[in-house]
Amino acid sequence: MRIALSQLTTGPDPGKNLRLLEEWTHRAAADGARVVVFPEASMACFGTPLAPLAEPLDGPWTEGVRRIARDTGTVVVAGMFTPAPGGRVANTLLATGPGVEASYDKIHLYDAFGYRESDSVAAGSAPTLIDVDGVRLGLATCYDVRFPELFRAHADAGAVGTLLAASWGAGPGKVEQWELLVRARALDATVWLAAVGQAEPGGEPGAAPTGIGHSRVVGPDGTVRHALGAEPDLLVADLDVDEVAAVRQKTSVLANRRPELWR
């Protein structure tokens, strides 16, 4: 399966960001990508008041993404914000395209490193998987990468890969943590891990997470197969679905678990 990771930088205007998604999806489709993955907060960057711009899954921004997916014949995965009770929003990944219509609300909220995502965002409560041409893929968002249980749940549900969208906060050691965590989640769930983040916007880091770039595709054996730097770029990669079964036969971490001991 050929996928594309669109490492761009979004701003506060959903309309402008939608035009960016359209441009980058057409580029990815021209390279033969079947799935095009955009970062967390593709609808609008963090640091923007989220509740006024949040919209339901049948709103105009999502309909724009659906049109882009239809026009290009691709499955588009992009981060957005949907309304939630109490004036908060859900940090949502929309997945849409031929044969696919799903969404995932971020389960683990980024209450860390001096930032409190839960002040404005309501947590999701269930994993989401999509099937593209008979290939099952899990969805995850940013801070989720620190929690291996979600990625193992994807594998238990038949996924051979996870698509991880992020807007990773900058700071000392954060690039190294990102690289380590992405590789670890691929290895301990023996899945392909396609991780796309917002590109580094330049300037001094602000109060809200922005991006550091360094999107990458990691194989089910934990090795980095493709990687980008910090600047905006498009990564197109082919995932060998059969490799997952081969790695799981040799590295039996899923089969050798003892979950009954930790309940």
C-alpha atoms as a PDB file:
ATOM      1  CA  MET A   1       0.000   0.000   0.000  1.00  0.00           C
ATOM      2  CA  ARG A   2       1.360   3.399  -0.982  1.00  0.00           C
ATOM      3  CA  ILE A   3       0.781   6.176   1.546  1.00  0.00           C
ATOM      4  CA  ALA A   4       1.813   9.809   1.763  1.00  0.00           C
ATOM      5  CA  LEU A   5       2.677  11.825   4.875  1.00  0.00           C
ATOM      6  CA  SER A   6       2.006  15.537   4.344  1.00  0.00           C
ATOM      7  CA  GLN A   7       4.280  17.416   6.735  1.00  0.00           C
ATOM      8  CA  LEU A   8       2.968  20.957   6.472  1.00  0.00           C
ATOM      9  CA  THR A   9       2.322  23.886   8.817  1.00  0.00           C
ATOM     10  CA  THR A  10      -1.259  25.023   9.299  1.00  0.00           C
ATOM     11  CA  GLY A  11      -2.428  28.382  10.607  1.00  0.00           C
ATOM     12  CA  PRO A  12      -5.545  29.665  12.351  1.00  0.00           C
ATOM     13  CA  ASP A  13      -7.758  29.972   9.221  1.00  0.00           C
ATOM     14  CA  PRO A  14      -9.619  26.719   8.340  1.00  0.00           C
ATOM     15  CA  GLY A  15     -10.323  27.923   4.793  1.00  0.00           C
ATOM     16  CA  LYS A  16      -6.664  28.554   4.019  1.00  0.00           C
ATOM     17  CA  ASN A  17      -5.739  25.251   5.601  1.00  0.00           C
ATOM     18  CA  LEU A  18      -8.291  23.431   3.456  1.00  0.00           C
ATOM     19  CA  ARG A  19      -6.652  24.875   0.340  1.00  0.00           C
ATOM     20  CA  LEU A  20      -3.305  23.574   1.622  1.00  0.00           C
ATOM     21  CA  LEU A  21      -4.817  20.114   2.070  1.00  0.00           C
ATOM     22  CA  GLU A  22      -6.157  20.224  -1.472  1.00  0.00           C
ATOM     23  CA  GLU A  23      -2.778  21.182  -2.939  1.00  0.00           C
ATOM     24  CA  TRP A  24      -0.868  18.546  -1.000  1.00  0.00           C
ATOM     25  CA  THR A  25      -3.416  15.791  -1.660  1.00  0.00           C
ATOM     26  CA  HIS A  26      -3.175  16.382  -5.400  1.00  0.00           C
ATOM     27  CA  ARG A  27       0.631  16.168  -5.115  1.00  0.00           C
ATOM     28  CA  ALA A  28       0.393  12.890  -3.204  1.00  0.00           C
ATOM     29  CA  ALA A  29      -2.153  11.426  -5.632  1.00  0.00           C
ATOM     30  CA  ALA A  30       0.123  12.300  -8.542  1.00  0.00           C
ATOM     31  CA  ASP A  31       2.780  10.124  -6.841  1.00  0.00           C
ATOM     32  CA  GLY A  32       0.337   7.222  -6.614  1.00  0.00           C
ATOM     33  CA  ALA A  33      -0.594   7.485  -2.935  1.00  0.00           C
ATOM     34  CA  ARG A  34      -3.734   5.616  -1.899  1.00  0.00           C
ATOM     35  CA  VAL A  35      -3.832   7.159   1.599  1.00  0.00           C
ATOM     36  CA  VAL A  36      -2.785  10.748   2.387  1.00  0.00           C
ATOM     37  CA  VAL A  37      -2.205  11.566   6.057  1.00  0.00           C
ATOM     38  CA  PHE A  38      -2.137  15.121   7.410  1.00  0.00           C
ATOM     39  CA  PRO A  39      -1.109  16.247  10.894  1.00  0.00           C
ATOM     40  CA  GLU A  40      -3.153  16.841  13.995  1.00  0.00           C
ATOM     41  CA  ALA A  41      -4.785  20.298  13.995  1.00  0.00           C
ATOM     42  CA  SER A  42      -4.862  20.485  10.199  1.00  0.00           C
ATOM     43  CA  MET A  43      -8.147  22.383  10.439  1.00  0.00           C
ATOM     44  CA  ALA A  44      -6.582  25.092  12.608  1.00  0.00           C
ATOM     45  CA  CYS A  45      -3.374  25.258  14.610  1.00  0.00           C
ATOM     46  CA  PHE A  46      -3.256  25.086  18.394  1.00  0.00           C
ATOM     47  CA  GLY A  47      -3.223  28.491  20.040  1.00  0.00           C
ATOM     48  CA  THR A  48      -6.411  29.337  18.128  1.00  0.00           C
ATOM     49  CA  PRO A  49      -9.713  29.505  20.079  1.00  0.00           C
ATOM     50  CA  LEU A  50     -11.075  26.072  19.211  1.00  0.00           C
ATOM     51  CA  ALA A  51     -14.740  26.135  20.252  1.00  0.00           C
ATOM     52  CA  PRO A  52     -15.805  28.887  17.779  1.00  0.00           C
ATOM     53  CA  LEU A  53     -14.359  27.028  14.782  1.00  0.00           C
ATOM     54  CA  ALA A  54     -15.286  23.447  15.732  1.00  0.00           C
ATOM     55  CA  GLU A  55     -17.869  21.881  13.455  1.00  0.00           C
ATOM     56  CA  PRO A  56     -19.705  18.561  13.196  1.00  0.00           C
ATOM     57  CA  LEU A  57     -18.654  15.798  10.853  1.00  0.00           C
ATOM     58  CA  ASP A  58     -21.159  16.986   8.266  1.00  0.00           C
ATOM     59  CA  GLY A  59     -19.954  20.612   8.391  1.00  0.00           C
ATOM     60  CA  PRO A  60     -18.462  22.639   5.521  1.00  0.00           C
ATOM     61  CA  TRP A  61     -14.810  21.947   6.333  1.00  0.00           C
ATOM     62  CA  THR A  62     -15.320  18.200   6.451  1.00  0.00           C
ATOM     63  CA  GLU A  63     -17.368  18.333   3.254  1.00  0.00           C
ATOM     64  CA  GLY A  64     -14.409  20.128   1.688  1.00  0.00           C
ATOM     65  CA  VAL A  65     -12.100  17.312   2.744  1.00  0.00           C
ATOM     66  CA  ARG A  66     -14.539  14.754   1.341  1.00  0.00           C
ATOM     67  CA  ARG A  67     -14.591  16.585  -1.972  1.00  0.00           C
ATOM     68  CA  ILE A  68     -10.782  16.557  -2.107  1.00  0.00           C
ATOM     69  CA  ALA A  69     -10.771  12.813  -1.399  1.00  0.00           C
ATOM     70  CA  ARG A  70     -13.362  12.168  -4.114  1.00  0.00           C
ATOM     71  CA  ASP A  71     -11.575  14.338  -6.672  1.00  0.00           C
ATOM     72  CA  THR A  72      -8.255  12.560  -6.120  1.00  0.00           C
ATOM     73  CA  GLY A  73      -9.529   9.032  -5.475  1.00  0.00           C
ATOM     74  CA  THR A  74      -7.586   8.892  -2.213  1.00  0.00           C
ATOM     75  CA  VAL A  75      -8.380   8.292   1.438  1.00  0.00           C
ATOM     76  CA  VAL A  76      -7.564  11.491   3.331  1.00  0.00           C
ATOM     77  CA  VAL A  77      -6.840  11.477   7.065  1.00  0.00           C
ATOM     78  CA  ALA A  78      -6.688  14.911   8.704  1.00  0.00           C
ATOM     79  CA  GLY A  79      -6.907  16.421  12.170  1.00  0.00           C
ATOM     80  CA  MET A  80      -9.835  18.703  13.005  1.00  0.00           C
ATOM     81  CA  PHE A  81     -12.003  19.785  15.954  1.00  0.00           C
ATOM     82  CA  THR A  82     -15.616  18.775  16.529  1.00  0.00           C
ATOM     83  CA  PRO A  83     -18.032  20.131  19.170  1.00  0.00           C
ATOM     84  CA  ALA A  84     -18.152  18.411  22.569  1.00  0.00           C
ATOM     85  CA  PRO A  85     -20.297  18.994  25.679  1.00  0.00           C
ATOM     86  CA  GLY A  86     -19.499  21.785  28.120  1.00  0.00           C
ATOM     87  CA  GLY A  87     -18.101  24.206  25.570  1.00  0.00           C
ATOM     88  CA  ARG A  88     -15.124  21.997  24.815  1.00  0.00           C
ATOM     89  CA  VAL A  89     -14.204  20.270  21.557  1.00  0.00           C
ATOM     90  CA  ALA A  90     -12.996  16.824  20.536  1.00  0.00           C
ATOM     91  CA  ASN A  91      -9.583  16.527  18.895  1.00  0.00           C
ATOM     92  CA  THR A  92     -10.774  14.473  15.929  1.00  0.00           C
ATOM     93  CA  LEU A  93      -9.106  12.630  13.067  1.00  0.00           C
ATOM     94  CA  LEU A  94     -11.341  12.478  10.021  1.00  0.00           C
ATOM     95  CA  ALA A  95     -10.721   9.585   7.610  1.00  0.00           C
ATOM     96  CA  THR A  96     -12.657   9.827   4.371  1.00  0.00           C
ATOM     97  CA  GLY A  97     -12.426   8.625   0.801  1.00  0.00           C
ATOM     98  CA  PRO A  98     -13.567   5.820  -1.487  1.00  0.00           C
ATOM     99  CA  GLY A  99     -14.946   3.063   0.749  1.00  0.00           C
ATOM    100  CA  VAL A 100     -13.884   4.813   3.976  1.00  0.00           C
ATOM    101  CA  GLU A 101     -15.805   7.095   6.335  1.00  0.00           C
ATOM    102  CA  ALA A 102     -14.664   7.184   9.962  1.00  0.00           C
ATOM    103  CA  SER A 103     -13.451   9.451  12.735  1.00  0.00           C
ATOM    104  CA  TYR A 104     -11.317   9.071  15.846  1.00  0.00           C
ATOM    105  CA  ASP A 105     -11.419  11.306  18.927  1.00  0.00           C
ATOM    106  CA  LYS A 106      -8.052  11.549  20.665  1.00  0.00           C
ATOM    107  CA  ILE A 107      -8.102   9.404  23.802  1.00  0.00           C
ATOM    108  CA  HIS A 108      -5.015  10.654  25.660  1.00  0.00           C
ATOM    109  CA  LEU A 109      -4.984  14.426  26.205  1.00  0.00           C
ATOM    110  CA  TYR A 110      -1.784  16.410  26.415  1.00  0.00           C
ATOM    111  CA  ASP A 111      -1.737  17.561  30.008  1.00  0.00           C
ATOM    112  CA  ALA A 112       2.037  17.652  30.144  1.00  0.00           C
ATOM    113  CA  PHE A 113       5.066  19.912  29.786  1.00  0.00           C
ATOM    114  CA  GLY A 114       3.083  22.854  31.169  1.00  0.00           C
ATOM    115  CA  TYR A 115       0.205  22.576  28.672  1.00  0.00           C
ATOM    116  CA  ARG A 116      -3.340  21.428  29.533  1.00  0.00           C
ATOM    117  CA  GLU A 117      -5.206  20.185  26.481  1.00  0.00           C
ATOM    118  CA  SER A 118      -8.055  18.980  28.702  1.00  0.00           C
ATOM    119  CA  ASP A 119      -8.978  22.585  29.554  1.00  0.00           C
ATOM    120  CA  SER A 120     -10.498  22.946  26.082  1.00  0.00           C
ATOM    121  CA  VAL A 121     -10.686  19.384  24.714  1.00  0.00           C
ATOM    122  CA  ALA A 122     -12.809  16.401  25.759  1.00  0.00           C
ATOM    123  CA  ALA A 123     -11.169  12.968  25.587  1.00  0.00           C
ATOM    124  CA  GLY A 124     -12.323  10.213  23.257  1.00  0.00           C
ATOM    125  CA  SER A 125     -13.216   6.798  24.592  1.00  0.00           C
ATOM    126  CA  ALA A 126     -12.668   4.181  21.856  1.00  0.00           C
ATOM    127  CA  PRO A 127     -10.080   3.137  19.253  1.00  0.00           C
ATOM    128  CA  THR A 128     -10.893   3.553  15.562  1.00  0.00           C
ATOM    129  CA  LEU A 129      -9.728   1.420  12.651  1.00  0.00           C
ATOM    130  CA  ILE A 130     -10.276   1.773   8.922  1.00  0.00           C
ATOM    131  CA  ASP A 131     -10.052  -0.713   6.062  1.00  0.00           C
ATOM    132  CA  VAL A 132      -8.460   0.478   2.820  1.00  0.00           C
ATOM    133  CA  ASP A 133      -8.379  -2.033  -0.031  1.00  0.00           C
ATOM    134  CA  GLY A 134      -8.574  -4.863   2.488  1.00  0.00           C
ATOM    135  CA  VAL A 135      -5.748  -3.448   4.648  1.00  0.00           C
ATOM    136  CA  ARG A 136      -6.666  -2.536   8.227  1.00  0.00           C
ATOM    137  CA  LEU A 137      -5.105   0.570   9.770  1.00  0.00           C
ATOM    138  CA  GLY A 138      -5.500   2.110  13.214  1.00  0.00           C
ATOM    139  CA  LEU A 139      -5.735   5.829  13.929  1.00  0.00           C
ATOM    140  CA  ALA A 140      -3.858   7.689  16.678  1.00  0.00           C
ATOM    141  CA  THR A 141      -3.080  11.278  17.587  1.00  0.00           C
ATOM    142  CA  CYS A 142       0.098  12.832  18.983  1.00  0.00           C
ATOM    143  CA  TYR A 143       0.258  12.217  22.776  1.00  0.00           C
ATOM    144  CA  ASP A 144      -1.316   8.787  22.186  1.00  0.00           C
ATOM    145  CA  VAL A 145       2.161   7.650  21.135  1.00  0.00           C
ATOM    146  CA  ARG A 146       3.217   7.527  24.794  1.00  0.00           C
ATOM    147  CA  PHE A 147       0.639   4.806  25.524  1.00  0.00           C
ATOM    148  CA  PRO A 148       1.469   1.402  23.984  1.00  0.00           C
ATOM    149  CA  GLU A 149      -1.895  -0.122  24.891  1.00  0.00           C
ATOM    150  CA  LEU A 150      -3.650   1.726  22.069  1.00  0.00           C
ATOM    151  CA  PHE A 151      -1.258   0.443  19.420  1.00  0.00           C
ATOM    152  CA  ARG A 152      -1.505  -3.119  20.714  1.00  0.00           C
ATOM    153  CA  ALA A 153      -5.290  -2.758  20.588  1.00  0.00           C
ATOM    154  CA  HIS A 154      -4.949  -1.864  16.905  1.00  0.00           C
ATOM    155  CA  ALA A 155      -2.882  -4.994  16.327  1.00  0.00           C
ATOM    156  CA  ASP A 156      -5.353  -7.152  18.278  1.00  0.00           C
ATOM    157  CA  ALA A 157      -8.142  -5.817  16.051  1.00  0.00           C
ATOM    158  CA  GLY A 158      -6.280  -6.928  12.923  1.00  0.00           C
ATOM    159  CA  ALA A 159      -4.390  -3.766  11.990  1.00  0.00           C
ATOM    160  CA  VAL A 160      -1.071  -4.065  10.170  1.00  0.00           C
ATOM    161  CA  GLY A 161      -0.326  -0.380  10.582  1.00  0.00           C
ATOM    162  CA  THR A 162      -1.176   2.737  12.563  1.00  0.00           C
ATOM    163  CA  LEU A 163      -1.487   6.235  11.129  1.00  0.00           C
ATOM    164  CA  LEU A 164      -0.309   8.738  13.752  1.00  0.00           C
ATOM    165  CA  ALA A 165      -1.044  12.449  13.265  1.00  0.00           C
ATOM    166  CA  ALA A 166       0.715  14.949  15.527  1.00  0.00           C
ATOM    167  CA  SER A 167       1.386  18.566  16.371  1.00  0.00           C
ATOM    168  CA  TRP A 168       4.365  17.765  18.579  1.00  0.00           C
ATOM    169  CA  GLY A 169       5.430  20.432  21.034  1.00  0.00           C
ATOM    170  CA  ALA A 170       8.969  21.744  20.677  1.00  0.00           C
ATOM    171  CA  GLY A 171      11.473  21.814  23.521  1.00  0.00           C
ATOM    172  CA  PRO A 172      14.658  20.236  24.852  1.00  0.00           C
ATOM    173  CA  GLY A 173      14.803  16.541  23.991  1.00  0.00           C
ATOM    174  CA  LYS A 174      11.414  16.517  22.261  1.00  0.00           C
ATOM    175  CA  VAL A 175      12.753  15.434  18.847  1.00  0.00           C
ATOM    176  CA  GLU A 176      14.597  12.540  20.473  1.00  0.00           C
ATOM    177  CA  GLN A 177      11.500  11.517  22.432  1.00  0.00           C
ATOM    178  CA  TRP A 178       9.375  11.591  19.278  1.00  0.00           C
ATOM    179  CA  GLU A 179      11.813   9.423  17.347  1.00  0.00           C
ATOM    180  CA  LEU A 180      12.149   6.933  20.214  1.00  0.00           C
ATOM    181  CA  LEU A 181       8.421   6.657  20.897  1.00  0.00           C
ATOM    182  CA  VAL A 182       7.434   6.169  17.265  1.00  0.00           C
ATOM    183  CA  ARG A 183       9.950   3.349  16.871  1.00  0.00           C
ATOM    184  CA  ALA A 184       8.925   1.772  20.178  1.00  0.00           C
ATOM    185  CA  ARG A 185       5.215   1.728  19.312  1.00  0.00           C
ATOM    186  CA  ALA A 186       5.925   0.073  15.972  1.00  0.00           C
ATOM    187  CA  LEU A 187       8.085  -2.566  17.615  1.00  0.00           C
ATOM    188  CA  ASP A 188       5.954  -3.407  20.627  1.00  0.00           C
ATOM    189  CA  ALA A 189       2.809  -3.792  18.468  1.00  0.00           C
ATOM    190  CA  THR A 190       4.697  -5.144  15.416  1.00  0.00           C
ATOM    191  CA  VAL A 191       2.860  -2.783  13.069  1.00  0.00           C
ATOM    192  CA  TRP A 192       3.880  -0.300  10.420  1.00  0.00           C
ATOM    193  CA  LEU A 193       3.889   3.118  12.076  1.00  0.00           C
ATOM    194  CA  ALA A 194       3.341   6.090   9.752  1.00  0.00           C
ATOM    195  CA  ALA A 195       3.803   9.210  11.878  1.00  0.00           C
ATOM    196  CA  VAL A 196       3.237  12.683  10.442  1.00  0.00           C
ATOM    197  CA  GLY A 197       3.698  15.902  12.367  1.00  0.00           C
ATOM    198  CA  GLN A 198       3.298  19.563  11.685  1.00  0.00           C
ATOM    199  CA  ALA A 199       6.453  21.030  10.200  1.00  0.00           C
ATOM    200  CA  GLU A 200       8.575  23.291  12.374  1.00  0.00           C
ATOM    201  CA  PRO A 201       7.052  26.753  11.979  1.00  0.00           C
ATOM    202  CA  GLY A 202      10.212  28.702  12.783  1.00  0.00           C
ATOM    203  CA  GLY A 203      10.692  31.284  15.511  1.00  0.00           C
ATOM    204  CA  GLU A 204      10.545  30.732  19.256  1.00  0.00           C
ATOM    205  CA  PRO A 205       8.203  28.024  20.570  1.00  0.00           C
ATOM    206  CA  GLY A 206       4.935  29.462  21.879  1.00  0.00           C
ATOM    207  CA  ALA A 207       2.619  28.361  24.675  1.00  0.00           C
ATOM    208  CA  ALA A 208       0.711  25.951  22.420  1.00  0.00           C
ATOM    209  CA  PRO A 209       2.131  22.893  20.632  1.00  0.00           C
ATOM    210  CA  THR A 210       3.099  23.664  17.042  1.00  0.00           C
ATOM    211  CA  GLY A 211       5.414  21.201  15.341  1.00  0.00           C
ATOM    212  CA  ILE A 212       8.931  19.839  14.986  1.00  0.00           C
ATOM    213  CA  GLY A 213       8.579  17.909  11.715  1.00  0.00           C
ATOM    214  CA  HIS A 214      10.594  14.686  11.586  1.00  0.00           C
ATOM    215  CA  SER A 215       7.728  12.640  10.152  1.00  0.00           C
ATOM    216  CA  ARG A 216       8.706   9.035   9.541  1.00  0.00           C
ATOM    217  CA  VAL A 217       7.636   5.584   8.459  1.00  0.00           C
ATOM    218  CA  VAL A 218       8.813   2.792  10.768  1.00  0.00           C
ATOM    219  CA  GLY A 219       8.621  -0.896   9.913  1.00  0.00           C
ATOM    220  CA  PRO A 220       7.072  -3.550  12.170  1.00  0.00           C
ATOM    221  CA  ASP A 221      10.585  -4.478  13.299  1.00  0.00           C
ATOM    222  CA  GLY A 222      11.139  -0.965  14.668  1.00  0.00           C
ATOM    223  CA  THR A 223      13.527   0.202  11.954  1.00  0.00           C
ATOM    224  CA  VAL A 224      13.099   3.617  10.362  1.00  0.00           C
ATOM    225  CA  ARG A 225      12.456   3.158   6.647  1.00  0.00           C
ATOM    226  CA  HIS A 226      11.796   6.774   5.622  1.00  0.00           C
ATOM    227  CA  ALA A 227      12.195  10.082   7.477  1.00  0.00           C
ATOM    228  CA  LEU A 228      11.889  13.818   6.922  1.00  0.00           C
ATOM    229  CA  GLY A 229      13.628  16.769   8.527  1.00  0.00           C
ATOM    230  CA  ALA A 230      11.976  19.755  10.190  1.00  0.00           C
ATOM    231  CA  GLU A 231      10.809  21.690   7.122  1.00  0.00           C
ATOM    232  CA  PRO A 232       7.573  21.221   5.136  1.00  0.00           C
ATOM    233  CA  ASP A 233       7.844  18.166   2.882  1.00  0.00           C
ATOM    234  CA  LEU A 234       5.907  15.247   1.406  1.00  0.00           C
ATOM    235  CA  LEU A 235       6.931  11.656   2.174  1.00  0.00           C
ATOM    236  CA  VAL A 236       5.570   8.899  -0.083  1.00  0.00           C
ATOM    237  CA  ALA A 237       6.220   5.307   0.968  1.00  0.00           C
ATOM    238  CA  ASP A 238       5.112   1.766   0.148  1.00  0.00           C
ATOM    239  CA  LEU A 239       4.082  -0.443   3.070  1.00  0.00           C
ATOM    240  CA  ASP A 240       4.725  -4.172   2.616  1.00  0.00           C
ATOM    241  CA  VAL A 241       1.699  -5.661   4.347  1.00  0.00           C
ATOM    242  CA  ASP A 242       3.123  -9.196   4.228  1.00  0.00           C
ATOM    243  CA  GLU A 243       6.138  -8.113   6.265  1.00  0.00           C
ATOM    244  CA  VAL A 244       3.962  -7.754   9.356  1.00  0.00           C
ATOM    245  CA  ALA A 245       3.153 -11.475   9.477  1.00  0.00           C
ATOM    246  CA  ALA A 246       6.808 -12.357   8.923  1.00  0.00           C
ATOM    247  CA  VAL A 247       7.977 -10.117  11.764  1.00  0.00           C
ATOM    248  CA  ARG A 248       5.273 -11.408  14.113  1.00  0.00           C
ATOM    249  CA  GLN A 249       6.357 -14.974  13.435  1.00  0.00           C
ATOM    250  CA  LYS A 250       9.930 -14.131  14.502  1.00  0.00           C
ATOM    251  CA  THR A 251       9.211 -11.506  17.156  1.00  0.00           C
ATOM    252  CA  SER A 252       6.296 -12.956  19.070  1.00  0.00           C
ATOM    253  CA  VAL A 253       5.687 -10.101  21.512  1.00  0.00           C
ATOM    254  CA  LEU A 254       1.945 -10.151  20.921  1.00  0.00           C
ATOM    255  CA  ALA A 255       1.635 -13.917  21.271  1.00  0.00           C
ATOM    256  CA  ASN A 256       3.882 -14.036  24.356  1.00  0.00           C
ATOM    257  CA  ARG A 257       2.002 -11.447  26.398  1.00  0.00           C
ATOM    258  CA  ARG A 258       0.582 -12.363  29.822  1.00  0.00           C
ATOM    259  CA  PRO A 259      -2.305  -9.871  30.142  1.00  0.00           C
ATOM    260  CA  GLU A 260      -4.042 -11.974  32.785  1.00  0.00           C
ATOM    261  CA  LEU A 261      -1.298 -11.012  35.263  1.00  0.00           C
ATOM    262  CA  TRP A 262      -2.006  -7.285  35.068  1.00  0.00           C
ATOM    263  CA  ARG A 263      -5.785  -7.232  35.414  1.00  0.00           C
END
